[in-house]
Amino acid sequence: MNKELRETFLNELADHFQDIYVCTRIWSAWSYSTMELEDFYLLCDDEDFIQSVFNILKENKINQDVVISHIENFEAVYNFDIEENFQSNLFHEDWLNYVDIEEFCKFLNTYKLKSNFENF
């Protein structure tokens, strides 16, 4: 296993999920004014999520459709300035629209062509 290549891949993979947040509470907490900024974390920092995408990529030999299907089912929201406008309604549940799928697929194909993915 090429540890350095794997780490580089995981870091680049995580970069595709910038500004995507996961809420750790139920969404109805907004109506009670108890939601706080600390109730959110960046999806790109979620090592379990990134590892799950990596595992699916590896098991399916970088099958883009399988990967996109997996991430579509992940509950997250898009917000590009959560720290400045936390109280605003800038949370977009259709967060996948804010992931550049074309660039994501190019990234996957680059690794598919560049290396023997099974050796990660």
C-alpha atoms as a PDB file:
ATOM      1  CA  MET A   1       0.000   0.000   0.000  1.00  0.00           C
ATOM      2  CA  ASN A   2       1.379   3.365  -0.980  1.00  0.00           C
ATOM      3  CA  LYS A   3       0.622   5.394   2.151  1.00  0.00           C
ATOM      4  CA  GLU A   4       1.806   8.730   0.743  1.00  0.00           C
ATOM      5  CA  LEU A   5      -0.299   8.390  -2.411  1.00  0.00           C
ATOM      6  CA  ARG A   6      -3.298   7.342  -0.341  1.00  0.00           C
ATOM      7  CA  GLU A   7      -2.970  10.357   1.988  1.00  0.00           C
ATOM      8  CA  THR A   8      -2.634  12.696  -0.997  1.00  0.00           C
ATOM      9  CA  PHE A   9      -5.718  11.158  -2.559  1.00  0.00           C
ATOM     10  CA  LEU A  10      -7.758  11.447   0.667  1.00  0.00           C
ATOM     11  CA  ASN A  11      -6.753  15.107   1.079  1.00  0.00           C
ATOM     12  CA  GLU A  12      -7.672  15.913  -2.516  1.00  0.00           C
ATOM     13  CA  LEU A  13     -10.929  13.988  -2.127  1.00  0.00           C
ATOM     14  CA  ALA A  14     -11.830  16.015   0.972  1.00  0.00           C
ATOM     15  CA  ASP A  15     -11.199  19.253  -0.932  1.00  0.00           C
ATOM     16  CA  HIS A  16     -14.216  18.492  -3.119  1.00  0.00           C
ATOM     17  CA  PHE A  17     -16.525  18.895  -0.112  1.00  0.00           C
ATOM     18  CA  GLN A  18     -15.601  22.406   1.041  1.00  0.00           C
ATOM     19  CA  ASP A  19     -18.431  24.575   2.432  1.00  0.00           C
ATOM     20  CA  ILE A  20     -20.612  21.501   2.992  1.00  0.00           C
ATOM     21  CA  TYR A  21     -21.784  21.218   6.593  1.00  0.00           C
ATOM     22  CA  VAL A  22     -23.312  18.443   8.621  1.00  0.00           C
ATOM     23  CA  CYS A  23     -25.736  19.371  11.380  1.00  0.00           C
ATOM     24  CA  THR A  24     -25.365  17.292  14.517  1.00  0.00           C
ATOM     25  CA  ARG A  25     -28.879  18.116  15.737  1.00  0.00           C
ATOM     26  CA  ILE A  26     -32.344  17.699  14.322  1.00  0.00           C
ATOM     27  CA  TRP A  27     -33.269  20.532  11.975  1.00  0.00           C
ATOM     28  CA  SER A  28     -36.326  21.532  14.031  1.00  0.00           C
ATOM     29  CA  ALA A  29     -33.952  22.955  16.677  1.00  0.00           C
ATOM     30  CA  TRP A  30     -33.988  26.126  14.550  1.00  0.00           C
ATOM     31  CA  SER A  31     -37.596  26.747  15.572  1.00  0.00           C
ATOM     32  CA  TYR A  32     -36.578  26.758  19.257  1.00  0.00           C
ATOM     33  CA  SER A  33     -33.638  29.131  18.689  1.00  0.00           C
ATOM     34  CA  THR A  34     -31.283  26.628  20.271  1.00  0.00           C
ATOM     35  CA  MET A  35     -29.142  25.912  17.216  1.00  0.00           C
ATOM     36  CA  GLU A  36     -25.567  27.154  17.475  1.00  0.00           C
ATOM     37  CA  LEU A  37     -22.623  27.306  15.130  1.00  0.00           C
ATOM     38  CA  GLU A  38     -20.994  24.517  17.141  1.00  0.00           C
ATOM     39  CA  ASP A  39     -23.839  22.224  16.038  1.00  0.00           C
ATOM     40  CA  PHE A  40     -22.264  22.050  12.560  1.00  0.00           C
ATOM     41  CA  TYR A  41     -19.042  20.609  11.223  1.00  0.00           C
ATOM     42  CA  LEU A  42     -17.467  20.608   7.775  1.00  0.00           C
ATOM     43  CA  LEU A  43     -18.038  17.477   5.737  1.00  0.00           C
ATOM     44  CA  CYS A  44     -14.516  17.706   4.347  1.00  0.00           C
ATOM     45  CA  ASP A  45     -13.229  17.298   7.932  1.00  0.00           C
ATOM     46  CA  ASP A  46     -15.305  14.159   8.531  1.00  0.00           C
ATOM     47  CA  GLU A  47     -12.689  11.431   8.246  1.00  0.00           C
ATOM     48  CA  ASP A  48     -15.340   8.697   8.425  1.00  0.00           C
ATOM     49  CA  PHE A  49     -17.210  10.195   5.460  1.00  0.00           C
ATOM     50  CA  ILE A  50     -14.040  10.629   3.401  1.00  0.00           C
ATOM     51  CA  GLN A  51     -12.971   7.079   4.287  1.00  0.00           C
ATOM     52  CA  SER A  52     -16.418   5.727   3.301  1.00  0.00           C
ATOM     53  CA  VAL A  53     -16.141   7.426  -0.098  1.00  0.00           C
ATOM     54  CA  PHE A  54     -12.617   6.042  -0.457  1.00  0.00           C
ATOM     55  CA  ASN A  55     -13.825   2.518   0.404  1.00  0.00           C
ATOM     56  CA  ILE A  56     -16.620   2.691  -2.150  1.00  0.00           C
ATOM     57  CA  LEU A  57     -14.183   3.982  -4.757  1.00  0.00           C
ATOM     58  CA  LYS A  58     -11.775   1.180  -4.031  1.00  0.00           C
ATOM     59  CA  GLU A  59     -14.438  -1.560  -3.952  1.00  0.00           C
ATOM     60  CA  ASN A  60     -15.991  -0.370  -7.207  1.00  0.00           C
ATOM     61  CA  LYS A  61     -12.790   0.522  -9.033  1.00  0.00           C
ATOM     62  CA  ILE A  62     -13.723   4.200  -9.082  1.00  0.00           C
ATOM     63  CA  ASN A  63     -17.215   3.771 -10.499  1.00  0.00           C
ATOM     64  CA  GLN A  64     -18.480   7.372 -10.561  1.00  0.00           C
ATOM     65  CA  ASP A  65     -22.173   6.440 -10.532  1.00  0.00           C
ATOM     66  CA  VAL A  66     -21.807   4.331  -7.392  1.00  0.00           C
ATOM     67  CA  VAL A  67     -19.847   7.077  -5.635  1.00  0.00           C
ATOM     68  CA  ILE A  68     -22.313   9.835  -6.541  1.00  0.00           C
ATOM     69  CA  SER A  69     -25.192   7.636  -5.439  1.00  0.00           C
ATOM     70  CA  HIS A  70     -23.448   7.160  -2.076  1.00  0.00           C
ATOM     71  CA  ILE A  71     -22.820  10.849  -1.440  1.00  0.00           C
ATOM     72  CA  GLU A  72     -26.330  11.835  -2.592  1.00  0.00           C
ATOM     73  CA  ASN A  73     -27.748   9.991   0.394  1.00  0.00           C
ATOM     74  CA  PHE A  74     -25.625  11.868   2.906  1.00  0.00           C
ATOM     75  CA  GLU A  75     -27.531  14.480   4.891  1.00  0.00           C
ATOM     76  CA  ALA A  76     -25.692  17.773   4.714  1.00  0.00           C
ATOM     77  CA  VAL A  77     -26.210  21.405   3.778  1.00  0.00           C
ATOM     78  CA  TYR A  78     -24.249  23.932   1.768  1.00  0.00           C
ATOM     79  CA  ASN A  79     -23.327  27.292   3.267  1.00  0.00           C
ATOM     80  CA  PHE A  80     -20.427  29.340   1.977  1.00  0.00           C
ATOM     81  CA  ASP A  81     -20.274  31.815   4.881  1.00  0.00           C
ATOM     82  CA  ILE A  82     -21.742  30.053   7.895  1.00  0.00           C
ATOM     83  CA  GLU A  83     -19.506  31.870  10.388  1.00  0.00           C
ATOM     84  CA  GLU A  84     -20.568  35.342   9.220  1.00  0.00           C
ATOM     85  CA  ASN A  85     -24.237  34.668   8.537  1.00  0.00           C
ATOM     86  CA  PHE A  86     -25.145  31.834  10.854  1.00  0.00           C
ATOM     87  CA  GLN A  87     -28.617  33.194  11.634  1.00  0.00           C
ATOM     88  CA  SER A  88     -29.498  33.745   7.980  1.00  0.00           C
ATOM     89  CA  ASN A  89     -31.281  31.226   5.834  1.00  0.00           C
ATOM     90  CA  LEU A  90     -28.299  30.391   3.636  1.00  0.00           C
ATOM     91  CA  PHE A  91     -28.418  26.657   4.248  1.00  0.00           C
ATOM     92  CA  HIS A  92     -29.075  24.764   1.038  1.00  0.00           C
ATOM     93  CA  GLU A  93     -30.208  21.181   1.486  1.00  0.00           C
ATOM     94  CA  ASP A  94     -29.496  20.459  -2.177  1.00  0.00           C
ATOM     95  CA  TRP A  95     -25.799  20.634  -1.269  1.00  0.00           C
ATOM     96  CA  LEU A  96     -24.766  18.243  -4.018  1.00  0.00           C
ATOM     97  CA  ASN A  97     -25.583  20.994  -6.530  1.00  0.00           C
ATOM     98  CA  TYR A  98     -22.694  22.926  -4.991  1.00  0.00           C
ATOM     99  CA  VAL A  99     -20.186  20.145  -5.481  1.00  0.00           C
ATOM    100  CA  ASP A 100     -18.567  20.400  -8.893  1.00  0.00           C
ATOM    101  CA  ILE A 101     -19.436  16.881 -10.025  1.00  0.00           C
ATOM    102  CA  GLU A 102     -17.654  17.312 -13.353  1.00  0.00           C
ATOM    103  CA  GLU A 103     -14.387  18.274 -11.609  1.00  0.00           C
ATOM    104  CA  PHE A 104     -14.968  15.538  -9.035  1.00  0.00           C
ATOM    105  CA  CYS A 105     -15.278  12.937 -11.814  1.00  0.00           C
ATOM    106  CA  LYS A 106     -12.191  14.301 -13.590  1.00  0.00           C
ATOM    107  CA  PHE A 107     -10.323  13.971 -10.310  1.00  0.00           C
ATOM    108  CA  LEU A 108     -11.466  10.347  -9.956  1.00  0.00           C
ATOM    109  CA  ASN A 109     -10.519   9.526 -13.535  1.00  0.00           C
ATOM    110  CA  THR A 110      -7.089  11.099 -13.093  1.00  0.00           C
ATOM    111  CA  TYR A 111      -6.372   8.742 -10.222  1.00  0.00           C
ATOM    112  CA  LYS A 112      -7.886   5.843 -12.112  1.00  0.00           C
ATOM    113  CA  LEU A 113      -5.477   6.421 -14.971  1.00  0.00           C
ATOM    114  CA  LYS A 114      -2.514   7.522 -12.854  1.00  0.00           C
ATOM    115  CA  SER A 115      -2.171   4.589 -10.533  1.00  0.00           C
ATOM    116  CA  ASN A 116      -3.210   1.129  -9.590  1.00  0.00           C
ATOM    117  CA  PHE A 117      -5.967   2.079  -7.179  1.00  0.00           C
ATOM    118  CA  GLU A 118      -6.000  -1.328  -5.539  1.00  0.00           C
ATOM    119  CA  ASN A 119      -2.533  -0.624  -4.124  1.00  0.00           C
ATOM    120  CA  PHE A 120      -3.756   2.270  -1.965  1.00  0.00           C
END
